[in-house]
Amino acid sequence: MNKGRPREFSIPDALDKATPIFWQKGYRGTSLDDLTEAMDINRPSLYAAFGDKENLFLQVVDRYRERYIFPPVKKLLEAKDLRKGLTEFFSSMADVLVQNQTPAGCVIACLLSDECGESESIRNKLADSIGRSDAAFYRLFDQHQKQLRKSLDAASAGRIMTSLMQGMATRARAGANKRALLQIGESFIKLMVRDN
């Protein structure tokens, strides 16, 4: 095979095709045959593009975060008003967690957590994801400290928000609908944000 020959498939598309396979079967339950069939590539192409199954799985997590999690978080961080920003964020995230394009829940909060005992790299990816969420939400609440209830500091609020999102993802995975998730978001806002 000519090493200079360009790839005949899109890396993002291949990652999107691998995502539901990992979702349905879990990391350990997913075989290379499952992946190559879903991605419509052969094993040498998979190894050349992604290394091995573990590295592919970690790239699937990154792709999921980039495609589904980053846009609503970015919009939230740009919000001028904390209450309004959180309301819109919870609505967007509820859509992500229960939409039909992907299985209910969140790849990071559900699947990555399930598989974190498999390897140090997967454990580190989960820890990194939690740390990134804590940092992003810390920035949000630090920007809007005046709108937070007096008993809360930005760092604590950020960690609570990360934990809440993980809990909402788990509930969605267990069958909660959008309305139920929005009610959780509304309760969080009442507890965290000062009345105007």
N, C-alpha and C. Protein backbone atom coordinates (compact mmCIF):
# COMPACT_ATOMS: atom_id res chain seq x y z
N MET A 1 0.84 -1.19 0.00
CA MET A 1 0.00 0.00 0.00
C MET A 1 0.88 1.24 0.00
N ASN A 2 0.55 2.21 -0.82
CA ASN A 2 1.32 3.44 -0.93
C ASN A 2 1.10 4.31 0.30
N LYS A 3 2.17 4.59 1.05
CA LYS A 3 2.05 5.38 2.26
C LYS A 3 1.64 6.82 1.98
N GLY A 4 1.91 7.29 0.76
CA GLY A 4 1.56 8.65 0.42
C GLY A 4 0.12 8.81 -0.03
N ARG A 5 -0.58 7.71 -0.14
CA ARG A 5 -1.97 7.75 -0.61
C ARG A 5 -2.86 8.40 0.46
N PRO A 6 -3.70 9.38 0.08
CA PRO A 6 -4.55 10.04 1.07
C PRO A 6 -5.63 9.11 1.60
N ARG A 7 -6.08 9.38 2.82
CA ARG A 7 -7.16 8.59 3.41
C ARG A 7 -8.42 8.75 2.57
N GLU A 8 -9.19 7.69 2.49
CA GLU A 8 -10.42 7.72 1.72
C GLU A 8 -11.64 7.86 2.62
N PHE A 9 -11.43 8.28 3.86
CA PHE A 9 -12.55 8.48 4.77
C PHE A 9 -12.27 9.69 5.65
N SER A 10 -13.33 10.24 6.17
CA SER A 10 -13.24 11.41 7.05
C SER A 10 -13.08 10.95 8.49
N ILE A 11 -12.07 11.47 9.17
CA ILE A 11 -11.84 11.12 10.57
C ILE A 11 -13.06 11.49 11.43
N PRO A 12 -13.59 12.73 11.34
CA PRO A 12 -14.77 13.05 12.16
C PRO A 12 -15.96 12.13 11.88
N ASP A 13 -16.20 11.82 10.60
CA ASP A 13 -17.31 10.91 10.27
C ASP A 13 -17.08 9.53 10.85
N ALA A 14 -15.84 9.05 10.77
CA ALA A 14 -15.53 7.73 11.32
C ALA A 14 -15.74 7.71 12.83
N LEU A 15 -15.36 8.78 13.51
CA LEU A 15 -15.57 8.87 14.96
C LEU A 15 -17.06 8.90 15.29
N ASP A 16 -17.83 9.63 14.48
CA ASP A 16 -19.29 9.69 14.71
C ASP A 16 -19.93 8.32 14.51
N LYS A 17 -19.40 7.52 13.59
CA LYS A 17 -19.94 6.18 13.36
C LYS A 17 -19.53 5.21 14.48
N ALA A 18 -18.38 5.45 15.07
CA ALA A 18 -17.91 4.58 16.16
C ALA A 18 -18.64 4.86 17.47
N THR A 19 -19.09 6.10 17.65
CA THR A 19 -19.71 6.50 18.92
C THR A 19 -20.88 5.60 19.34
N PRO A 20 -21.90 5.40 18.47
CA PRO A 20 -23.02 4.56 18.93
C PRO A 20 -22.64 3.10 19.18
N ILE A 21 -21.60 2.64 18.54
CA ILE A 21 -21.16 1.25 18.78
C ILE A 21 -20.62 1.13 20.20
N PHE A 22 -19.74 2.06 20.58
CA PHE A 22 -19.24 2.06 21.96
C PHE A 22 -20.39 2.26 22.96
N TRP A 23 -21.34 3.12 22.60
CA TRP A 23 -22.48 3.41 23.48
C TRP A 23 -23.28 2.14 23.73
N GLN A 24 -23.56 1.41 22.67
CA GLN A 24 -24.43 0.24 22.76
C GLN A 24 -23.74 -0.94 23.46
N LYS A 25 -22.45 -1.12 23.19
CA LYS A 25 -21.78 -2.32 23.67
C LYS A 25 -20.77 -2.08 24.78
N GLY A 26 -20.48 -0.82 25.06
CA GLY A 26 -19.44 -0.51 26.04
C GLY A 26 -18.06 -0.69 25.42
N TYR A 27 -17.06 -0.15 26.09
CA TYR A 27 -15.70 -0.25 25.56
C TYR A 27 -15.25 -1.71 25.48
N ARG A 28 -15.41 -2.43 26.57
CA ARG A 28 -14.95 -3.81 26.61
C ARG A 28 -15.74 -4.72 25.67
N GLY A 29 -17.05 -4.44 25.52
CA GLY A 29 -17.90 -5.28 24.70
C GLY A 29 -17.81 -5.01 23.21
N THR A 30 -17.11 -3.94 22.85
CA THR A 30 -16.99 -3.57 21.43
C THR A 30 -15.75 -4.23 20.83
N SER A 31 -15.94 -4.96 19.75
CA SER A 31 -14.81 -5.62 19.08
C SER A 31 -14.30 -4.77 17.92
N LEU A 32 -13.11 -5.08 17.47
CA LEU A 32 -12.58 -4.39 16.29
C LEU A 32 -13.46 -4.66 15.08
N ASP A 33 -14.02 -5.85 14.98
CA ASP A 33 -14.93 -6.15 13.86
C ASP A 33 -16.16 -5.26 13.91
N ASP A 34 -16.70 -5.04 15.13
CA ASP A 34 -17.85 -4.13 15.27
C ASP A 34 -17.50 -2.74 14.74
N LEU A 35 -16.31 -2.29 15.11
CA LEU A 35 -15.89 -0.94 14.75
C LEU A 35 -15.61 -0.81 13.26
N THR A 36 -14.86 -1.74 12.70
CA THR A 36 -14.53 -1.62 11.27
C THR A 36 -15.78 -1.72 10.41
N GLU A 37 -16.74 -2.54 10.84
CA GLU A 37 -17.98 -2.65 10.07
C GLU A 37 -18.77 -1.35 10.14
N ALA A 38 -18.92 -0.79 11.33
CA ALA A 38 -19.68 0.45 11.50
C ALA A 38 -19.00 1.63 10.80
N MET A 39 -17.68 1.67 10.88
CA MET A 39 -16.93 2.79 10.30
C MET A 39 -16.65 2.59 8.81
N ASP A 40 -16.92 1.39 8.32
CA ASP A 40 -16.71 1.05 6.91
C ASP A 40 -15.24 1.23 6.50
N ILE A 41 -14.36 0.73 7.36
CA ILE A 41 -12.92 0.74 7.06
C ILE A 41 -12.34 -0.61 7.46
N ASN A 42 -11.13 -0.91 6.99
CA ASN A 42 -10.50 -2.17 7.38
C ASN A 42 -9.59 -1.94 8.60
N ARG A 43 -9.10 -3.04 9.16
CA ARG A 43 -8.26 -2.91 10.36
C ARG A 43 -6.99 -2.11 10.13
N PRO A 44 -6.27 -2.34 9.03
CA PRO A 44 -5.06 -1.53 8.82
C PRO A 44 -5.36 -0.02 8.79
N SER A 45 -6.49 0.34 8.19
CA SER A 45 -6.87 1.76 8.14
C SER A 45 -7.20 2.28 9.54
N LEU A 46 -7.88 1.45 10.32
CA LEU A 46 -8.21 1.85 11.69
C LEU A 46 -6.94 2.08 12.49
N TYR A 47 -6.00 1.12 12.40
CA TYR A 47 -4.74 1.26 13.14
C TYR A 47 -3.95 2.47 12.67
N ALA A 48 -3.93 2.69 11.35
CA ALA A 48 -3.16 3.82 10.80
C ALA A 48 -3.73 5.16 11.25
N ALA A 49 -5.06 5.24 11.33
CA ALA A 49 -5.70 6.51 11.65
C ALA A 49 -5.81 6.77 13.15
N PHE A 50 -6.03 5.70 13.93
CA PHE A 50 -6.36 5.89 15.34
C PHE A 50 -5.42 5.18 16.31
N GLY A 51 -4.54 4.34 15.82
CA GLY A 51 -3.65 3.60 16.71
C GLY A 51 -4.27 2.29 17.12
N ASP A 52 -4.97 2.27 18.24
CA ASP A 52 -5.62 1.05 18.70
C ASP A 52 -7.03 1.37 19.19
N LYS A 53 -7.72 0.37 19.70
CA LYS A 53 -9.11 0.56 20.14
C LYS A 53 -9.21 1.58 21.27
N GLU A 54 -8.29 1.52 22.21
CA GLU A 54 -8.34 2.46 23.34
C GLU A 54 -8.18 3.90 22.86
N ASN A 55 -7.22 4.13 21.97
CA ASN A 55 -7.01 5.48 21.47
C ASN A 55 -8.21 5.95 20.65
N LEU A 56 -8.81 5.04 19.90
CA LEU A 56 -10.03 5.38 19.16
C LEU A 56 -11.13 5.79 20.13
N PHE A 57 -11.29 5.03 21.20
CA PHE A 57 -12.31 5.34 22.20
C PHE A 57 -12.08 6.73 22.80
N LEU A 58 -10.86 7.05 23.12
CA LEU A 58 -10.55 8.36 23.69
C LEU A 58 -10.81 9.48 22.69
N GLN A 59 -10.56 9.21 21.41
CA GLN A 59 -10.86 10.21 20.38
C GLN A 59 -12.37 10.36 20.20
N VAL A 60 -13.11 9.27 20.36
CA VAL A 60 -14.58 9.34 20.30
C VAL A 60 -15.09 10.27 21.41
N VAL A 61 -14.52 10.14 22.61
CA VAL A 61 -14.92 11.00 23.73
C VAL A 61 -14.63 12.46 23.39
N ASP A 62 -13.45 12.74 22.85
CA ASP A 62 -13.10 14.12 22.47
C ASP A 62 -14.04 14.67 21.41
N ARG A 63 -14.35 13.84 20.42
CA ARG A 63 -15.25 14.25 19.34
C ARG A 63 -16.64 14.55 19.89
N TYR A 64 -17.12 13.70 20.78
CA TYR A 64 -18.44 13.91 21.39
C TYR A 64 -18.45 15.24 22.15
N ARG A 65 -17.42 15.48 22.95
CA ARG A 65 -17.35 16.73 23.72
C ARG A 65 -17.34 17.94 22.79
N GLU A 66 -16.55 17.85 21.73
CA GLU A 66 -16.43 18.96 20.78
C GLU A 66 -17.76 19.23 20.07
N ARG A 67 -18.45 18.16 19.71
CA ARG A 67 -19.67 18.30 18.91
C ARG A 67 -20.91 18.63 19.74
N TYR A 68 -21.05 18.03 20.91
CA TYR A 68 -22.29 18.16 21.67
C TYR A 68 -22.19 19.00 22.95
N ILE A 69 -21.04 18.96 23.61
CA ILE A 69 -20.93 19.63 24.90
C ILE A 69 -20.37 21.05 24.77
N PHE A 70 -19.34 21.21 23.95
CA PHE A 70 -18.67 22.51 23.86
C PHE A 70 -19.59 23.64 23.41
N PRO A 71 -20.44 23.48 22.36
CA PRO A 71 -21.26 24.62 21.91
C PRO A 71 -22.17 25.21 23.00
N PRO A 72 -22.96 24.40 23.74
CA PRO A 72 -23.78 25.03 24.77
C PRO A 72 -22.97 25.60 25.93
N VAL A 73 -21.82 24.99 26.26
CA VAL A 73 -20.98 25.55 27.32
C VAL A 73 -20.40 26.89 26.88
N LYS A 74 -19.95 26.97 25.64
CA LYS A 74 -19.39 28.23 25.11
C LYS A 74 -20.44 29.34 25.18
N LYS A 75 -21.66 29.02 24.77
CA LYS A 75 -22.73 30.01 24.80
C LYS A 75 -23.02 30.44 26.24
N LEU A 76 -23.00 29.49 27.17
CA LEU A 76 -23.23 29.81 28.58
C LEU A 76 -22.16 30.76 29.11
N LEU A 77 -20.90 30.49 28.76
CA LEU A 77 -19.81 31.34 29.25
C LEU A 77 -19.88 32.76 28.69
N GLU A 78 -20.57 32.91 27.57
CA GLU A 78 -20.71 34.23 26.95
C GLU A 78 -21.97 34.97 27.42
N ALA A 79 -22.79 34.32 28.26
CA ALA A 79 -24.05 34.91 28.70
C ALA A 79 -23.80 36.16 29.55
N LYS A 80 -24.62 37.16 29.32
CA LYS A 80 -24.52 38.40 30.10
C LYS A 80 -25.24 38.29 31.44
N ASP A 81 -26.28 37.47 31.48
CA ASP A 81 -27.07 37.29 32.69
C ASP A 81 -27.03 35.82 33.10
N LEU A 82 -26.67 35.56 34.35
CA LEU A 82 -26.48 34.18 34.81
C LEU A 82 -27.77 33.38 34.75
N ARG A 83 -28.86 33.92 35.26
CA ARG A 83 -30.13 33.18 35.28
C ARG A 83 -30.58 32.81 33.87
N LYS A 84 -30.55 33.77 32.98
CA LYS A 84 -30.97 33.51 31.59
C LYS A 84 -30.02 32.52 30.92
N GLY A 85 -28.73 32.70 31.15
CA GLY A 85 -27.74 31.81 30.55
C GLY A 85 -27.91 30.37 31.01
N LEU A 86 -28.15 30.19 32.31
CA LEU A 86 -28.34 28.84 32.85
C LEU A 86 -29.63 28.22 32.32
N THR A 87 -30.69 29.01 32.21
CA THR A 87 -31.96 28.49 31.69
C THR A 87 -31.79 27.97 30.27
N GLU A 88 -31.11 28.75 29.43
CA GLU A 88 -30.87 28.33 28.04
C GLU A 88 -29.93 27.13 27.98
N PHE A 89 -28.94 27.12 28.86
CA PHE A 89 -27.98 26.01 28.89
C PHE A 89 -28.67 24.70 29.26
N PHE A 90 -29.48 24.71 30.30
CA PHE A 90 -30.16 23.48 30.71
C PHE A 90 -31.10 22.98 29.62
N SER A 91 -31.72 23.90 28.90
CA SER A 91 -32.60 23.48 27.80
C SER A 91 -31.78 22.81 26.70
N SER A 92 -30.65 23.41 26.35
CA SER A 92 -29.79 22.84 25.31
C SER A 92 -29.24 21.48 25.73
N MET A 93 -28.78 21.39 26.98
CA MET A 93 -28.20 20.14 27.45
C MET A 93 -29.26 19.05 27.59
N ALA A 94 -30.48 19.42 27.98
CA ALA A 94 -31.55 18.42 28.05
C ALA A 94 -31.80 17.83 26.66
N ASP A 95 -31.73 18.69 25.63
CA ASP A 95 -31.89 18.20 24.26
C ASP A 95 -30.77 17.21 23.91
N VAL A 96 -29.54 17.55 24.28
CA VAL A 96 -28.40 16.67 24.00
C VAL A 96 -28.59 15.32 24.71
N LEU A 97 -29.04 15.36 25.94
CA LEU A 97 -29.12 14.15 26.76
C LEU A 97 -30.24 13.20 26.37
N VAL A 98 -31.28 13.74 25.73
CA VAL A 98 -32.42 12.86 25.38
C VAL A 98 -32.69 12.79 23.88
N GLN A 99 -31.84 13.42 23.07
CA GLN A 99 -32.09 13.43 21.62
C GLN A 99 -32.00 12.03 21.03
N ASN A 100 -32.59 11.89 19.87
CA ASN A 100 -32.65 10.59 19.21
C ASN A 100 -31.39 10.26 18.40
N GLN A 101 -30.56 11.26 18.12
CA GLN A 101 -29.37 11.01 17.29
C GLN A 101 -28.33 10.17 18.03
N THR A 102 -28.31 10.28 19.34
CA THR A 102 -27.38 9.49 20.14
C THR A 102 -28.16 8.84 21.27
N PRO A 103 -27.64 7.77 21.86
CA PRO A 103 -28.33 7.17 23.00
C PRO A 103 -28.49 8.18 24.14
N ALA A 104 -29.51 7.97 24.97
CA ALA A 104 -29.76 8.88 26.09
C ALA A 104 -28.57 8.91 27.03
N GLY A 105 -28.36 10.06 27.63
CA GLY A 105 -27.25 10.23 28.56
C GLY A 105 -26.11 10.98 27.90
N CYS A 106 -24.91 10.76 28.39
CA CYS A 106 -23.73 11.48 27.91
C CYS A 106 -22.55 10.50 27.85
N VAL A 107 -21.84 10.52 26.76
CA VAL A 107 -20.69 9.64 26.60
C VAL A 107 -19.68 9.84 27.72
N ILE A 108 -19.48 11.09 28.11
CA ILE A 108 -18.48 11.38 29.13
C ILE A 108 -18.97 10.95 30.51
N ALA A 109 -20.16 11.40 30.89
CA ALA A 109 -20.66 11.13 32.24
C ALA A 109 -21.06 9.68 32.44
N CYS A 110 -21.55 9.03 31.39
CA CYS A 110 -22.05 7.65 31.54
C CYS A 110 -21.03 6.63 31.05
N LEU A 111 -20.73 6.65 29.76
CA LEU A 111 -19.87 5.61 29.19
C LEU A 111 -18.44 5.69 29.71
N LEU A 112 -17.88 6.89 29.72
CA LEU A 112 -16.50 7.04 30.19
C LEU A 112 -16.38 6.64 31.67
N SER A 113 -17.39 7.02 32.46
CA SER A 113 -17.38 6.63 33.88
C SER A 113 -17.46 5.12 34.03
N ASP A 114 -18.31 4.49 33.22
CA ASP A 114 -18.46 3.03 33.28
C ASP A 114 -17.15 2.31 33.00
N GLU A 115 -16.35 2.87 32.09
CA GLU A 115 -15.15 2.20 31.61
C GLU A 115 -13.86 2.67 32.28
N CYS A 116 -13.97 3.56 33.28
CA CYS A 116 -12.75 4.17 33.82
C CYS A 116 -11.84 3.18 34.54
N GLY A 117 -12.38 2.03 34.92
CA GLY A 117 -11.53 1.02 35.56
C GLY A 117 -10.74 0.20 34.57
N GLU A 118 -10.99 0.39 33.28
CA GLU A 118 -10.35 -0.42 32.25
C GLU A 118 -8.86 -0.10 32.08
N SER A 119 -8.51 1.18 32.17
CA SER A 119 -7.11 1.55 31.98
C SER A 119 -6.83 2.90 32.61
N GLU A 120 -5.56 3.16 32.83
CA GLU A 120 -5.16 4.45 33.40
C GLU A 120 -5.48 5.59 32.43
N SER A 121 -5.33 5.35 31.13
CA SER A 121 -5.62 6.39 30.15
C SER A 121 -7.09 6.79 30.18
N ILE A 122 -7.97 5.81 30.32
CA ILE A 122 -9.41 6.10 30.37
C ILE A 122 -9.75 6.81 31.68
N ARG A 123 -9.14 6.38 32.77
CA ARG A 123 -9.33 7.06 34.06
C ARG A 123 -8.86 8.51 33.98
N ASN A 124 -7.71 8.72 33.36
CA ASN A 124 -7.17 10.07 33.22
C ASN A 124 -8.08 10.94 32.35
N LYS A 125 -8.67 10.33 31.32
CA LYS A 125 -9.58 11.08 30.45
C LYS A 125 -10.81 11.53 31.23
N LEU A 126 -11.33 10.65 32.10
CA LEU A 126 -12.48 11.02 32.93
C LEU A 126 -12.10 12.15 33.89
N ALA A 127 -10.94 12.01 34.54
CA ALA A 127 -10.49 13.05 35.47
C ALA A 127 -10.29 14.38 34.75
N ASP A 128 -9.73 14.32 33.54
CA ASP A 128 -9.52 15.52 32.75
C ASP A 128 -10.85 16.16 32.38
N SER A 129 -11.83 15.34 32.01
CA SER A 129 -13.14 15.87 31.64
C SER A 129 -13.81 16.56 32.82
N ILE A 130 -13.72 15.94 33.99
CA ILE A 130 -14.29 16.55 35.19
C ILE A 130 -13.57 17.85 35.51
N GLY A 131 -12.24 17.83 35.41
CA GLY A 131 -11.46 19.05 35.68
C GLY A 131 -11.79 20.18 34.71
N ARG A 132 -11.97 19.85 33.45
CA ARG A 132 -12.34 20.88 32.46
C ARG A 132 -13.71 21.47 32.77
N SER A 133 -14.65 20.61 33.16
CA SER A 133 -15.99 21.10 33.51
C SER A 133 -15.92 22.00 34.74
N ASP A 134 -15.22 21.56 35.76
CA ASP A 134 -15.06 22.38 36.97
C ASP A 134 -14.49 23.76 36.61
N ALA A 135 -13.46 23.77 35.77
CA ALA A 135 -12.81 25.03 35.40
C ALA A 135 -13.73 25.94 34.61
N ALA A 136 -14.47 25.36 33.66
CA ALA A 136 -15.38 26.17 32.84
C ALA A 136 -16.48 26.77 33.70
N PHE A 137 -17.07 25.95 34.58
CA PHE A 137 -18.15 26.46 35.41
C PHE A 137 -17.63 27.42 36.48
N TYR A 138 -16.39 27.22 36.93
CA TYR A 138 -15.78 28.19 37.85
C TYR A 138 -15.70 29.55 37.17
N ARG A 139 -15.24 29.57 35.91
CA ARG A 139 -15.15 30.84 35.17
C ARG A 139 -16.53 31.50 35.07
N LEU A 140 -17.53 30.69 34.79
CA LEU A 140 -18.89 31.22 34.68
C LEU A 140 -19.32 31.90 35.98
N PHE A 141 -19.20 31.17 37.08
CA PHE A 141 -19.69 31.71 38.35
C PHE A 141 -18.80 32.82 38.89
N ASP A 142 -17.53 32.79 38.54
CA ASP A 142 -16.64 33.88 38.92
C ASP A 142 -17.04 35.17 38.21
N GLN A 143 -17.43 35.05 36.95
CA GLN A 143 -17.88 36.21 36.18
C GLN A 143 -19.18 36.79 36.75
N HIS A 144 -19.99 35.92 37.32
CA HIS A 144 -21.32 36.33 37.80
C HIS A 144 -21.45 36.16 39.31
N GLN A 145 -20.33 36.35 40.03
CA GLN A 145 -20.33 36.14 41.47
C GLN A 145 -21.43 36.95 42.17
N LYS A 146 -21.72 38.14 41.67
CA LYS A 146 -22.72 38.99 42.31
C LYS A 146 -24.12 38.41 42.21
N GLN A 147 -24.34 37.53 41.23
CA GLN A 147 -25.66 36.92 41.08
C GLN A 147 -25.79 35.62 41.88
N LEU A 148 -24.67 35.12 42.37
CA LEU A 148 -24.72 33.90 43.20
C LEU A 148 -25.20 34.24 44.61
N ARG A 149 -25.81 33.28 45.25
CA ARG A 149 -26.20 33.48 46.64
C ARG A 149 -24.93 33.67 47.47
N LYS A 150 -25.02 34.47 48.52
CA LYS A 150 -23.85 34.89 49.29
C LYS A 150 -23.07 33.74 49.88
N SER A 151 -23.74 32.64 50.18
CA SER A 151 -23.07 31.51 50.83
C SER A 151 -22.20 30.71 49.86
N LEU A 152 -22.26 31.02 48.57
CA LEU A 152 -21.54 30.23 47.57
C LEU A 152 -20.33 30.98 47.01
N ASP A 153 -19.24 30.25 46.83
CA ASP A 153 -18.10 30.80 46.10
C ASP A 153 -18.07 30.14 44.72
N ALA A 154 -17.37 30.76 43.79
CA ALA A 154 -17.38 30.31 42.40
C ALA A 154 -16.85 28.89 42.23
N ALA A 155 -15.81 28.54 42.97
CA ALA A 155 -15.23 27.20 42.83
C ALA A 155 -16.21 26.13 43.30
N SER A 156 -16.85 26.35 44.44
CA SER A 156 -17.83 25.38 44.94
C SER A 156 -19.01 25.27 43.98
N ALA A 157 -19.49 26.39 43.50
CA ALA A 157 -20.61 26.38 42.56
C ALA A 157 -20.25 25.62 41.29
N GLY A 158 -19.00 25.78 40.83
CA GLY A 158 -18.56 25.07 39.63
C GLY A 158 -18.54 23.56 39.82
N ARG A 159 -18.06 23.11 40.97
CA ARG A 159 -18.03 21.67 41.25
C ARG A 159 -19.44 21.10 41.39
N ILE A 160 -20.32 21.87 42.01
CA ILE A 160 -21.71 21.43 42.15
C ILE A 160 -22.36 21.31 40.77
N MET A 161 -22.08 22.27 39.92
CA MET A 161 -22.65 22.26 38.56
C MET A 161 -22.15 21.04 37.78
N THR A 162 -20.87 20.74 37.87
CA THR A 162 -20.33 19.55 37.20
C THR A 162 -21.03 18.29 37.70
N SER A 163 -21.18 18.18 39.01
CA SER A 163 -21.83 17.01 39.59
C SER A 163 -23.29 16.92 39.17
N LEU A 164 -23.95 18.07 39.07
CA LEU A 164 -25.34 18.10 38.63
C LEU A 164 -25.47 17.58 37.20
N MET A 165 -24.56 18.02 36.32
CA MET A 165 -24.62 17.59 34.93
C MET A 165 -24.40 16.08 34.81
N GLN A 166 -23.50 15.54 35.63
CA GLN A 166 -23.29 14.08 35.62
C GLN A 166 -24.55 13.35 36.08
N GLY A 167 -25.19 13.90 37.12
CA GLY A 167 -26.42 13.29 37.61
C GLY A 167 -27.55 13.37 36.59
N MET A 168 -27.67 14.49 35.90
CA MET A 168 -28.70 14.62 34.87
C MET A 168 -28.47 13.62 33.73
N ALA A 169 -27.20 13.42 33.37
CA ALA A 169 -26.88 12.46 32.31
C ALA A 169 -27.26 11.05 32.73
N THR A 170 -26.99 10.71 33.98
CA THR A 170 -27.36 9.38 34.49
C THR A 170 -28.87 9.20 34.50
N ARG A 171 -29.60 10.23 34.90
CA ARG A 171 -31.06 10.16 34.90
C ARG A 171 -31.60 9.99 33.48
N ALA A 172 -31.01 10.72 32.53
CA ALA A 172 -31.43 10.58 31.13
C ALA A 172 -31.18 9.16 30.64
N ARG A 173 -30.03 8.61 31.01
CA ARG A 173 -29.69 7.24 30.63
C ARG A 173 -30.71 6.24 31.19
N ALA A 174 -31.26 6.58 32.37
CA ALA A 174 -32.23 5.71 33.03
C ALA A 174 -33.66 5.95 32.55
N GLY A 175 -33.83 6.93 31.64
CA GLY A 175 -35.15 7.13 31.04
C GLY A 175 -35.84 8.44 31.33
N ALA A 176 -35.21 9.34 32.08
CA ALA A 176 -35.83 10.64 32.35
C ALA A 176 -36.05 11.40 31.05
N ASN A 177 -37.18 12.12 30.95
CA ASN A 177 -37.45 12.89 29.74
C ASN A 177 -36.97 14.33 29.90
N LYS A 178 -37.14 15.12 28.86
CA LYS A 178 -36.64 16.50 28.87
C LYS A 178 -37.28 17.31 29.98
N ARG A 179 -38.58 17.14 30.17
CA ARG A 179 -39.27 17.92 31.19
C ARG A 179 -38.68 17.67 32.57
N ALA A 180 -38.42 16.40 32.88
CA ALA A 180 -37.84 16.06 34.19
C ALA A 180 -36.46 16.69 34.36
N LEU A 181 -35.67 16.70 33.28
CA LEU A 181 -34.33 17.30 33.36
C LEU A 181 -34.42 18.81 33.53
N LEU A 182 -35.38 19.43 32.85
CA LEU A 182 -35.55 20.88 32.98
C LEU A 182 -35.97 21.27 34.39
N GLN A 183 -36.79 20.44 35.02
CA GLN A 183 -37.19 20.72 36.40
C GLN A 183 -36.00 20.70 37.34
N ILE A 184 -35.06 19.79 37.08
CA ILE A 184 -33.83 19.75 37.89
C ILE A 184 -33.03 21.04 37.67
N GLY A 185 -32.92 21.45 36.42
CA GLY A 185 -32.21 22.69 36.12
C GLY A 185 -32.86 23.89 36.78
N GLU A 186 -34.18 23.95 36.76
CA GLU A 186 -34.90 25.07 37.38
C GLU A 186 -34.67 25.09 38.89
N SER A 187 -34.66 23.92 39.50
CA SER A 187 -34.41 23.84 40.95
C SER A 187 -33.00 24.31 41.28
N PHE A 188 -32.03 23.93 40.45
CA PHE A 188 -30.65 24.36 40.64
C PHE A 188 -30.56 25.89 40.59
N ILE A 189 -31.21 26.48 39.60
CA ILE A 189 -31.16 27.94 39.46
C ILE A 189 -31.75 28.63 40.70
N LYS A 190 -32.86 28.10 41.18
CA LYS A 190 -33.49 28.70 42.38
C LYS A 190 -32.56 28.62 43.58
N LEU A 191 -31.84 27.52 43.70
CA LEU A 191 -30.95 27.34 44.84
C LEU A 191 -29.68 28.18 44.73
N MET A 192 -29.18 28.38 43.52
CA MET A 192 -27.86 28.98 43.33
C MET A 192 -27.89 30.48 43.04
N VAL A 193 -28.92 30.94 42.36
CA VAL A 193 -28.92 32.31 41.85
C VAL A 193 -29.83 33.20 42.71
N ARG A 194 -29.33 34.37 43.04
CA ARG A 194 -30.11 35.30 43.84
C ARG A 194 -31.34 35.77 43.05
N ASP A 195 -32.41 36.07 43.78
CA ASP A 195 -33.57 36.66 43.15
C ASP A 195 -33.24 38.09 42.75
N ASN A 196 -33.75 38.51 41.61
CA ASN A 196 -33.46 39.88 41.16
C ASN A 196 -34.20 40.89 42.00
